[in-house]
N, C-alpha and C. Protein backbone atom coordinates (compact mmCIF):
# COMPACT_ATOMS: atom_id res chain seq x y z
N UNK A 1 279.31 99.53 329.46
CA UNK A 1 278.96 97.82 328.54
C UNK A 1 280.48 97.65 328.81
N UNK A 2 281.18 96.68 328.98
CA UNK A 2 281.67 95.38 329.17
C UNK A 2 282.03 95.24 327.66
N UNK A 3 283.97 95.07 327.16
CA UNK A 3 283.54 94.62 325.69
C UNK A 3 283.88 92.97 326.29
N UNK A 4 283.74 92.62 327.02
CA UNK A 4 283.60 91.22 327.18
C UNK A 4 281.86 90.37 327.07
N UNK A 5 281.12 91.46 327.51
CA UNK A 5 279.77 91.31 327.74
C UNK A 5 278.93 89.90 327.03
N UNK A 6 278.33 89.56 328.09
CA UNK A 6 277.60 88.68 327.10
C UNK A 6 275.79 88.95 327.17
N UNK A 7 274.93 88.97 325.63
CA UNK A 7 273.99 89.66 325.58
C UNK A 7 273.40 88.08 326.23
N UNK A 8 272.14 88.19 327.19
CA UNK A 8 271.07 86.87 327.00
C UNK A 8 269.70 87.33 325.95
N UNK A 9 269.84 86.65 325.26
CA UNK A 9 269.06 85.53 324.07
C UNK A 9 268.20 85.59 324.93
N UNK A 10 267.72 84.50 325.69
CA UNK A 10 266.94 83.62 326.26
C UNK A 10 266.97 82.96 327.70
N UNK A 11 266.40 82.83 328.51
CA UNK A 11 266.65 82.32 330.07
C UNK A 11 265.27 81.60 330.05
N UNK A 12 265.91 80.06 330.45
CA UNK A 12 264.47 79.50 330.83
C UNK A 12 264.98 78.64 332.47
N UNK A 13 264.28 79.01 333.69
CA UNK A 13 264.42 78.40 334.75
C UNK A 13 264.05 76.83 334.48
N UNK A 14 265.40 76.22 335.33
CA UNK A 14 264.83 74.58 335.23
C UNK A 14 264.78 73.99 336.46
N UNK A 15 264.68 74.44 337.71
CA UNK A 15 264.94 74.07 338.65
C UNK A 15 264.81 75.48 339.66
N UNK A 16 263.35 75.38 341.08
CA UNK A 16 263.53 76.32 341.85
C UNK A 16 263.15 75.55 343.23
N UNK A 17 264.67 75.58 344.07
CA UNK A 17 264.75 75.03 345.19
C UNK A 17 264.68 76.21 346.21
N UNK A 18 264.50 75.68 347.30
CA UNK A 18 263.82 76.09 348.78
C UNK A 18 265.60 77.19 349.22
N UNK A 19 266.79 76.86 348.08
CA UNK A 19 267.57 78.04 348.44
C UNK A 19 268.28 78.74 347.23
N UNK A 20 268.07 78.04 346.42
CA UNK A 20 269.07 78.10 345.38
C UNK A 20 267.74 77.66 344.01
N UNK A 21 268.14 78.37 342.47
CA UNK A 21 267.48 77.94 341.61
C UNK A 21 268.27 78.14 340.67
N UNK A 22 268.13 76.95 339.46
CA UNK A 22 269.28 76.86 338.09
C UNK A 22 268.57 77.49 336.60
N UNK A 23 268.95 78.47 335.84
CA UNK A 23 268.56 78.72 334.92
C UNK A 23 269.69 78.60 333.58
N UNK A 24 269.24 78.12 332.91
CA UNK A 24 270.12 77.78 331.35
C UNK A 24 269.67 79.10 330.42
N UNK A 25 271.09 80.21 330.13
CA UNK A 25 270.34 81.52 329.25
C UNK A 25 271.32 80.91 328.28
N UNK A 26 270.81 81.34 327.24
CA UNK A 26 271.34 81.35 325.54
C UNK A 26 271.72 83.12 325.74
N UNK A 27 272.81 82.96 325.04
CA UNK A 27 273.40 83.84 325.54
C UNK A 27 274.24 84.37 324.19
N UNK A 28 274.85 85.99 323.64
CA UNK A 28 275.45 86.44 322.28
C UNK A 28 276.43 86.78 323.21
N UNK A 29 277.53 86.08 322.15
CA UNK A 29 278.96 86.34 322.83
C UNK A 29 279.53 87.54 322.71
N UNK A 30 280.56 88.05 322.69
CA UNK A 30 281.27 89.30 321.83
C UNK A 30 281.27 89.31 320.55
N UNK A 31 281.62 88.18 319.83
CA UNK A 31 281.67 87.86 318.61
C UNK A 31 280.68 87.57 317.52
N UNK A 32 279.31 87.35 318.75
CA UNK A 32 278.35 87.06 317.66
C UNK A 32 277.60 85.97 317.58
N UNK A 33 278.95 85.01 318.52
CA UNK A 33 278.05 83.72 318.11
C UNK A 33 277.05 82.96 319.81
N UNK A 34 276.23 82.24 319.37
CA UNK A 34 275.68 82.02 320.86
C UNK A 34 276.12 81.19 321.17
N UNK A 35 276.23 80.65 322.46
CA UNK A 35 276.25 79.82 323.63
C UNK A 35 275.43 78.99 324.70
N UNK A 36 275.56 78.55 325.40
CA UNK A 36 274.69 78.61 326.81
C UNK A 36 275.27 78.55 328.08
N UNK A 37 274.72 78.87 329.00
CA UNK A 37 275.31 79.21 329.98
C UNK A 37 274.10 78.38 331.07
N UNK A 38 274.84 77.48 331.96
CA UNK A 38 274.19 77.00 333.08
C UNK A 38 274.69 78.44 334.42
N UNK A 39 273.37 78.62 334.96
CA UNK A 39 273.60 79.79 336.02
C UNK A 39 272.70 78.91 337.39
N UNK A 40 273.55 79.09 338.72
CA UNK A 40 272.41 78.77 339.91
C UNK A 40 272.67 80.03 340.70
N UNK A 41 271.66 80.28 340.78
CA UNK A 41 270.82 81.78 341.28
C UNK A 41 270.72 81.52 342.88
N UNK A 42 271.90 82.55 343.93
CA UNK A 42 271.67 82.24 345.17
C UNK A 42 271.26 83.43 345.93
N UNK A 43 270.51 83.21 346.41
CA UNK A 43 269.75 84.89 347.06
C UNK A 43 270.91 85.81 348.45
N UNK A 44 272.68 85.15 348.20
CA UNK A 44 273.57 85.57 348.70
C UNK A 44 273.64 85.18 350.43
N UNK A 45 274.71 85.50 351.01
CA UNK A 45 275.30 84.89 352.40
C UNK A 45 275.85 85.80 353.29
N UNK A 46 276.36 85.00 354.58
CA UNK A 46 277.28 86.46 355.32
C UNK A 46 277.61 84.80 356.43
N UNK A 47 279.21 85.49 356.60
CA UNK A 47 280.28 84.23 356.71
C UNK A 47 280.90 85.72 358.60
N UNK A 48 280.54 85.07 359.59
CA UNK A 48 281.52 85.70 360.22
C UNK A 48 282.50 85.59 361.30
N UNK A 49 283.62 86.26 361.38
CA UNK A 49 285.10 85.73 361.69
C UNK A 49 284.41 86.54 363.24
N UNK A 50 284.17 85.21 364.19
CA UNK A 50 283.88 86.23 365.63
C UNK A 50 284.94 85.48 366.62
N UNK A 51 285.20 86.60 367.19
CA UNK A 51 287.13 86.51 368.01
C UNK A 51 286.73 87.10 369.52
N UNK A 52 286.83 86.02 370.48
CA UNK A 52 286.71 86.06 371.64
C UNK A 52 287.50 87.28 372.09
N UNK A 53 287.49 87.78 373.20
CA UNK A 53 288.14 88.89 374.04
C UNK A 53 289.54 87.64 374.09
N UNK A 54 290.12 86.74 374.05
CA UNK A 54 291.26 86.10 374.11
C UNK A 54 292.10 85.93 373.40
N UNK A 55 291.26 86.24 371.64
CA UNK A 55 291.26 86.60 370.23
C UNK A 55 291.73 85.04 369.58
N UNK A 56 290.66 84.38 370.59
CA UNK A 56 290.54 82.58 370.03
C UNK A 56 289.25 83.60 368.69
N UNK A 57 289.63 82.24 367.64
CA UNK A 57 287.82 82.22 366.42
C UNK A 57 287.17 80.75 366.86
N UNK A 58 285.66 81.31 366.67
CA UNK A 58 284.27 80.83 367.04
C UNK A 58 284.35 79.94 365.79
N UNK A 59 284.37 79.00 366.44
CA UNK A 59 284.50 77.91 364.70
C UNK A 59 283.21 77.08 364.63
N UNK A 60 282.35 76.52 363.88
CA UNK A 60 281.49 75.42 364.05
C UNK A 60 281.64 74.24 363.00
N UNK A 61 281.71 72.82 363.75
CA UNK A 61 282.12 71.98 363.01
C UNK A 61 280.40 71.01 362.56
N UNK A 62 280.28 71.05 361.05
CA UNK A 62 278.84 70.50 360.84
C UNK A 62 279.43 69.67 359.72
N UNK A 63 278.27 68.69 359.29
CA UNK A 63 278.49 67.91 358.35
C UNK A 63 277.58 68.64 357.05
N UNK A 64 278.58 68.68 356.15
CA UNK A 64 278.15 69.23 354.82
C UNK A 64 278.33 67.84 353.62
N UNK A 65 276.63 67.86 353.50
CA UNK A 65 275.88 66.28 352.44
C UNK A 65 276.85 66.70 351.57
N UNK A 66 276.83 68.06 350.25
CA UNK A 66 277.19 67.85 348.85
C UNK A 66 278.92 67.30 349.11
N UNK A 67 279.07 67.64 350.19
CA UNK A 67 281.41 67.10 350.21
C UNK A 67 281.14 65.34 350.77
N UNK A 68 279.87 64.93 351.37
CA UNK A 68 279.82 63.39 352.48
C UNK A 68 281.07 63.83 353.47
N UNK A 69 280.91 64.88 353.89
CA UNK A 69 281.79 65.23 354.97
C UNK A 69 281.63 66.59 356.13
N UNK A 70 282.34 66.19 357.42
CA UNK A 70 282.60 67.11 357.84
C UNK A 70 283.70 67.97 357.89
N UNK A 71 283.24 69.35 358.02
CA UNK A 71 284.26 70.51 358.21
C UNK A 71 283.59 71.37 358.97
N UNK A 72 284.84 72.08 359.39
CA UNK A 72 284.87 73.32 360.21
C UNK A 72 285.16 74.19 359.50
N UNK A 73 284.08 75.13 360.19
CA UNK A 73 283.68 76.36 359.45
C UNK A 73 283.23 77.39 360.65
N UNK A 74 283.85 78.67 359.52
CA UNK A 74 283.10 80.31 360.52
C UNK A 74 281.35 80.25 360.56
N UNK A 75 280.79 80.46 361.25
CA UNK A 75 279.48 80.53 361.39
C UNK A 75 279.47 81.47 360.19
N UNK A 76 277.99 80.84 359.20
CA UNK A 76 277.65 81.38 358.08
C UNK A 76 276.04 81.24 357.99
N UNK A 77 275.64 82.08 356.97
CA UNK A 77 273.96 81.70 357.01
C UNK A 77 273.68 82.77 355.72
N UNK A 78 272.81 81.82 355.24
CA UNK A 78 271.84 82.66 354.29
C UNK A 78 271.13 83.90 353.97
N UNK A 79 271.15 84.72 352.97
CA UNK A 79 269.86 85.69 353.69
C UNK A 79 268.84 85.41 353.50
N UNK A 80 268.15 85.74 354.39
CA UNK A 80 266.55 85.97 353.64
C UNK A 80 266.31 87.05 353.16
N UNK A 81 264.77 86.63 352.04
CA UNK A 81 264.35 88.40 351.26
C UNK A 81 264.28 89.50 351.73
N UNK A 82 264.91 90.53 351.54
CA UNK A 82 264.73 92.07 351.89
C UNK A 82 265.55 92.28 352.75
N UNK A 83 266.68 90.96 353.64
CA UNK A 83 267.43 90.98 355.24
C UNK A 83 268.60 92.12 354.44
N UNK A 84 268.79 92.51 355.31
CA UNK A 84 270.19 93.61 355.41
C UNK A 84 271.31 92.29 355.95
N UNK A 85 272.63 92.87 355.12
CA UNK A 85 273.42 91.69 355.33
C UNK A 85 273.92 91.20 357.10
N UNK A 86 273.95 93.05 357.52
CA UNK A 86 274.61 92.74 358.80
C UNK A 86 273.93 92.11 359.55
N UNK A 87 272.65 92.82 359.88
CA UNK A 87 271.42 91.92 360.20
C UNK A 87 271.69 90.78 360.52
N UNK A 88 271.51 89.67 359.55
CA UNK A 88 271.25 88.29 358.90
C UNK A 88 272.68 87.86 359.52
N UNK A 89 274.20 88.56 359.63
CA UNK A 89 275.16 88.21 360.52
C UNK A 89 275.12 87.64 361.96
N UNK A 90 273.90 88.99 362.27
CA UNK A 90 274.09 89.26 363.66
C UNK A 90 273.39 87.82 364.07
N UNK A 91 272.23 87.82 362.80
CA UNK A 91 271.53 86.61 363.73
C UNK A 91 272.05 85.06 363.68
N UNK A 92 272.94 85.16 362.39
CA UNK A 92 273.65 83.56 362.16
C UNK A 92 275.02 83.40 363.25
N UNK A 93 275.25 84.48 363.84
CA UNK A 93 276.35 84.47 364.77
C UNK A 93 275.39 83.85 366.49
N UNK A 94 274.36 84.60 366.25
CA UNK A 94 273.84 84.27 367.85
C UNK A 94 272.89 82.92 367.80
N UNK A 95 272.30 82.52 366.45
CA UNK A 95 271.82 81.47 366.24
C UNK A 95 272.72 79.86 366.61
N UNK A 96 274.22 80.40 365.99
CA UNK A 96 275.27 78.78 365.43
C UNK A 96 275.97 78.94 366.77
N UNK A 97 275.87 80.20 367.54
CA UNK A 97 277.57 80.03 368.39
C UNK A 97 276.80 80.72 369.54
N UNK A 98 275.49 80.98 370.17
CA UNK A 98 275.01 81.40 371.10
C UNK A 98 275.46 82.48 372.13
N UNK A 99 276.11 83.30 370.59
CA UNK A 99 276.79 84.76 370.82
C UNK A 99 276.10 85.73 370.54
N UNK A 100 276.24 86.96 371.19
CA UNK A 100 276.02 87.99 370.38
C UNK A 100 276.94 89.24 370.15
N UNK A 101 277.34 90.20 369.92
CA UNK A 101 278.65 90.66 369.59
C UNK A 101 278.05 92.74 369.47
N UNK A 102 279.40 92.88 370.06
CA UNK A 102 278.77 94.82 370.68
C UNK A 102 279.57 95.50 369.50
N UNK A 103 280.34 94.93 368.50
CA UNK A 103 281.30 94.83 367.29
C UNK A 103 281.06 94.23 366.06
N UNK A 104 280.58 95.28 365.24
CA UNK A 104 280.66 93.69 364.11
C UNK A 104 281.18 95.50 362.66
N UNK A 105 282.05 94.58 362.02
CA UNK A 105 282.27 95.42 360.96
C UNK A 105 282.54 94.13 359.63
N UNK A 106 281.83 94.88 358.33
CA UNK A 106 282.00 94.13 357.27
C UNK A 106 283.47 94.18 356.53
N UNK A 107 284.07 93.23 356.66
CA UNK A 107 285.57 92.68 356.28
C UNK A 107 286.01 92.82 354.62
N UNK A 108 285.02 91.91 354.01
CA UNK A 108 284.57 92.30 352.46
C UNK A 108 283.20 90.81 352.03
N UNK A 109 283.07 91.60 350.66
CA UNK A 109 282.23 90.75 350.11
C UNK A 109 283.20 90.56 348.74
N UNK A 110 282.70 89.07 349.01
CA UNK A 110 282.93 88.04 347.88
C UNK A 110 282.00 87.39 346.75
N UNK A 111 282.33 86.81 345.35
CA UNK A 111 281.77 85.90 344.89
C UNK A 111 282.34 84.37 345.53
N UNK A 112 281.53 83.37 345.02
CA UNK A 112 282.26 82.24 345.61
C UNK A 112 282.75 81.18 344.31
N UNK A 113 281.79 81.44 343.34
CA UNK A 113 281.96 80.92 342.44
C UNK A 113 281.06 81.18 340.67
N UNK A 114 282.47 82.72 340.82
CA UNK A 114 281.48 83.40 339.57
C UNK A 114 281.02 82.85 338.02
N UNK A 115 281.82 81.50 338.14
CA UNK A 115 281.76 80.83 337.00
C UNK A 115 280.50 80.41 336.24
N UNK A 116 279.51 79.71 337.62
CA UNK A 116 278.45 79.28 337.35
C UNK A 116 277.23 79.54 338.59
N UNK A 117 277.60 80.44 339.18
CA UNK A 117 276.85 81.25 340.24
C UNK A 117 277.06 82.46 340.53
N UNK A 118 276.15 83.19 341.27
CA UNK A 118 275.86 84.33 341.46
C UNK A 118 275.71 85.14 343.35
N UNK A 119 276.00 83.85 344.10
CA UNK A 119 276.13 83.83 345.31
C UNK A 119 277.57 84.77 345.20
N UNK A 120 277.04 85.83 346.40
CA UNK A 120 277.55 87.13 347.23
C UNK A 120 277.70 86.62 348.35
N UNK A 121 279.01 86.08 349.09
CA UNK A 121 279.11 86.11 350.64
C UNK A 121 279.85 87.15 351.40
N UNK A 122 279.25 87.74 352.39
CA UNK A 122 279.59 89.10 353.17
C UNK A 122 280.27 89.00 354.80
N UNK A 123 281.50 88.87 354.78
CA UNK A 123 282.49 88.75 355.46
C UNK A 123 282.31 89.67 356.41
N UNK A 124 281.75 89.16 358.13
CA UNK A 124 282.04 89.85 358.82
C UNK A 124 283.14 89.80 360.03
N UNK A 125 283.72 90.90 360.88
CA UNK A 125 284.41 90.07 362.07
C UNK A 125 283.21 91.12 362.72
N UNK A 126 283.31 89.96 364.18
CA UNK A 126 282.81 90.57 364.85
C UNK A 126 283.61 89.79 366.31
N UNK A 127 283.45 91.16 367.39
CA UNK A 127 284.12 91.41 368.41
C UNK A 127 283.48 92.02 369.69
N UNK A 128 283.92 91.83 371.02
CA UNK A 128 283.37 92.34 372.42
C UNK A 128 282.00 91.35 372.40
N UNK A 129 282.25 90.41 372.28
CA UNK A 129 281.22 88.74 372.54
C UNK A 129 281.08 88.85 373.81
N UNK A 130 279.17 88.58 373.62
CA UNK A 130 279.03 87.98 375.19
C UNK A 130 277.97 86.65 374.60
N UNK A 131 278.04 85.78 375.82
CA UNK A 131 277.02 84.65 375.39
C UNK A 131 275.37 84.84 375.71
N UNK A 132 274.56 84.93 375.34
CA UNK A 132 273.33 84.33 374.98
C UNK A 132 273.04 83.88 376.38
N UNK A 133 272.00 84.63 377.17
CA UNK A 133 271.30 83.07 378.09
C UNK A 133 271.27 81.49 377.38
N UNK A 134 269.96 81.59 375.86
CA UNK A 134 269.44 80.78 375.81
C UNK A 134 270.39 79.98 375.00
N UNK A 135 270.95 80.08 374.83
CA UNK A 135 272.34 79.58 373.81
C UNK A 135 271.71 79.44 372.32
N UNK A 136 272.35 78.00 372.09
CA UNK A 136 272.33 78.24 370.66
C UNK A 136 271.11 77.91 369.89
N UNK A 137 270.45 78.26 368.49
CA UNK A 137 269.15 78.25 368.33
C UNK A 137 269.03 77.95 367.04
N UNK A 138 269.61 76.80 366.60
CA UNK A 138 270.14 76.06 365.38
C UNK A 138 268.45 75.78 364.78
N UNK A 139 268.69 75.83 363.00
CA UNK A 139 267.62 75.43 362.79
C UNK A 139 267.49 73.96 363.09
N UNK A 140 265.71 73.61 362.44
CA UNK A 140 265.56 72.04 362.80
C UNK A 140 266.49 71.33 362.39
N UNK A 141 267.11 71.64 361.09
CA UNK A 141 268.02 70.65 359.73
C UNK A 141 269.32 71.18 360.18
N UNK A 142 269.50 71.62 361.66
CA UNK A 142 271.29 72.20 361.86
C UNK A 142 271.76 71.22 362.94
N UNK A 143 272.98 70.48 362.69
CA UNK A 143 273.47 70.10 364.24
C UNK A 143 275.20 71.04 363.58
N UNK A 144 275.68 71.57 364.71
CA UNK A 144 276.73 71.88 364.80
C UNK A 144 277.34 71.80 365.93
N UNK A 145 278.52 71.49 366.31
CA UNK A 145 279.76 71.80 367.52
C UNK A 145 280.48 72.74 367.49
N UNK A 146 280.63 73.73 368.55
CA UNK A 146 281.12 75.20 368.76
C UNK A 146 282.46 74.48 369.02
N UNK A 147 283.61 74.98 368.68
CA UNK A 147 284.36 75.54 368.88
C UNK A 147 285.49 76.79 369.05
N UNK A 148 286.44 76.88 370.31
CA UNK A 148 286.87 77.84 370.18
C UNK A 148 288.49 77.77 370.16
N UNK A 149 289.21 78.26 369.05
CA UNK A 149 290.53 77.68 368.35
C UNK A 149 291.70 79.09 367.99
N UNK A 150 293.05 79.05 368.53
CA UNK A 150 293.55 80.11 368.20
C UNK A 150 293.81 80.21 366.99
N UNK A 151 294.83 81.17 366.72
CA UNK A 151 295.07 81.31 364.73
C UNK A 151 295.93 80.18 364.87
N UNK A 152 296.80 79.82 365.17
CA UNK A 152 297.46 78.79 364.96
C UNK A 152 297.06 77.26 365.33
N UNK A 153 295.92 77.06 365.91
CA UNK A 153 295.53 75.79 365.85
C UNK A 153 294.41 75.91 364.66
N UNK A 154 294.08 77.14 364.41
CA UNK A 154 292.87 77.25 363.01
C UNK A 154 293.89 76.70 361.93
N UNK A 155 295.58 77.46 361.44
CA UNK A 155 296.51 76.79 360.87
C UNK A 155 296.25 75.44 360.79
N UNK A 156 296.79 74.75 361.67
CA UNK A 156 296.73 73.21 361.70
C UNK A 156 295.39 72.84 361.31
N UNK A 157 294.77 73.17 361.62
CA UNK A 157 293.05 72.31 361.22
C UNK A 157 293.37 72.55 359.70
N UNK A 158 293.81 74.31 358.99
CA UNK A 158 293.76 74.18 357.36
C UNK A 158 295.10 73.35 357.08
N UNK A 159 295.33 72.71 357.57
CA UNK A 159 296.61 71.62 356.59
C UNK A 159 295.97 70.15 356.89
N UNK A 160 295.00 69.96 358.07
CA UNK A 160 295.20 68.83 358.35
C UNK A 160 293.46 68.45 357.09
N UNK A 161 292.88 69.43 356.05
CA UNK A 161 291.95 69.77 355.78
C UNK A 161 290.44 69.44 356.15
N UNK A 162 290.66 70.01 357.51
CA UNK A 162 289.73 70.13 357.92
C UNK A 162 288.28 70.67 357.95
N UNK A 163 289.30 72.23 357.84
CA UNK A 163 289.52 73.21 357.09
C UNK A 163 289.16 73.39 356.17
N UNK A 164 288.17 73.79 355.00
CA UNK A 164 288.20 73.42 353.83
C UNK A 164 287.25 74.03 352.62
N UNK A 165 286.64 74.98 353.35
CA UNK A 165 286.01 76.04 352.43
C UNK A 165 286.58 77.50 352.82
N UNK A 166 286.26 78.20 351.42
CA UNK A 166 286.52 79.22 351.01
C UNK A 166 286.61 80.67 351.93
N UNK A 167 285.24 80.29 352.57
CA UNK A 167 285.23 81.36 353.75
C UNK A 167 286.23 81.73 354.47
N UNK A 168 286.03 80.32 355.24
CA UNK A 168 286.68 80.48 356.58
C UNK A 168 288.39 80.24 356.30
N UNK A 169 288.72 79.98 355.20
CA UNK A 169 289.95 79.79 354.85
C UNK A 169 290.53 81.55 354.88
N UNK A 170 289.87 82.07 353.85
CA UNK A 170 289.66 83.67 353.85
C UNK A 170 289.50 84.10 355.15
N UNK A 171 288.85 84.28 356.27
CA UNK A 171 288.80 84.43 357.39
C UNK A 171 290.24 84.24 358.43
N UNK A 172 290.94 83.10 358.19
CA UNK A 172 292.03 83.21 358.78
C UNK A 172 292.83 83.59 358.24
N UNK A 173 293.44 84.19 356.34
CA UNK A 173 294.22 84.67 356.28
C UNK A 173 294.21 86.18 356.19
N UNK A 174 293.06 86.78 356.62
CA UNK A 174 292.70 87.95 357.21
C UNK A 174 293.11 88.12 357.77
N UNK A 175 293.44 86.93 359.55
CA UNK A 175 294.07 87.22 360.50
C UNK A 175 295.42 87.20 360.76
N UNK A 176 295.99 86.34 359.68
CA UNK A 176 297.50 86.08 359.37
C UNK A 176 297.67 87.00 358.56
N UNK A 177 297.56 88.43 358.15
CA UNK A 177 297.72 89.05 357.52
C UNK A 177 297.84 90.40 358.58
N UNK A 178 296.92 90.52 359.22
CA UNK A 178 296.45 91.60 359.73
C UNK A 178 297.43 91.46 361.23
N UNK A 179 297.84 89.90 362.02
CA UNK A 179 298.78 89.71 362.93
C UNK A 179 300.24 90.48 362.25
N UNK A 180 300.87 89.94 360.84
CA UNK A 180 302.08 90.18 360.49
C UNK A 180 302.28 91.53 360.37
N UNK A 181 301.21 92.85 359.73
CA UNK A 181 300.99 93.49 359.74
C UNK A 181 301.20 94.23 361.18
N UNK A 182 300.51 93.88 361.74
CA UNK A 182 300.88 94.41 363.45
C UNK A 182 302.55 94.17 363.84
N UNK A 183 302.96 92.76 363.83
CA UNK A 183 304.37 92.82 363.78
C UNK A 183 305.35 94.10 363.24
N UNK A 184 304.69 94.42 362.45
CA UNK A 184 305.47 95.39 361.37
C UNK A 184 305.67 96.21 362.27
N UNK A 185 304.59 97.00 362.69
CA UNK A 185 304.52 97.77 363.37
C UNK A 185 305.59 98.35 364.62
């Protein structure tokens, strides 16, 4: 038990949607005082850093209503109940890009906004890609455009604020670090 732990006294779910739910917890803080915490519950998600044989990054451009703008991102999606993260990553890669991969490896799992949400994203790298015959298999409410860019082009998209989400920025930084370490060897 952490010396900073907050004990839940009462929890009330105030919204349950298709993807998230929102609850308000009354907590007892380490000093004995009470406070309220608004918490977004999320089933978790995956993100896939997919690299072509030429070393290009596969990205998708799509509209994000919460931001009222289009973003360029690595393929990603939410976990279904009971679904393994790697299974979900392979499914999302195929659905959003029309590619399957021969090799997939977990790079890191991270919380997106631990101050108010429990969403955990599992970031995978996918290599040895092959195009599937059927192509994209998007959800009915999903509209994306596929892009293949070099690391340098991705860095430029970051500078232009066209890549503006944490999971994609994290993936690009991973590649930058990997490239820098390879140059040192």
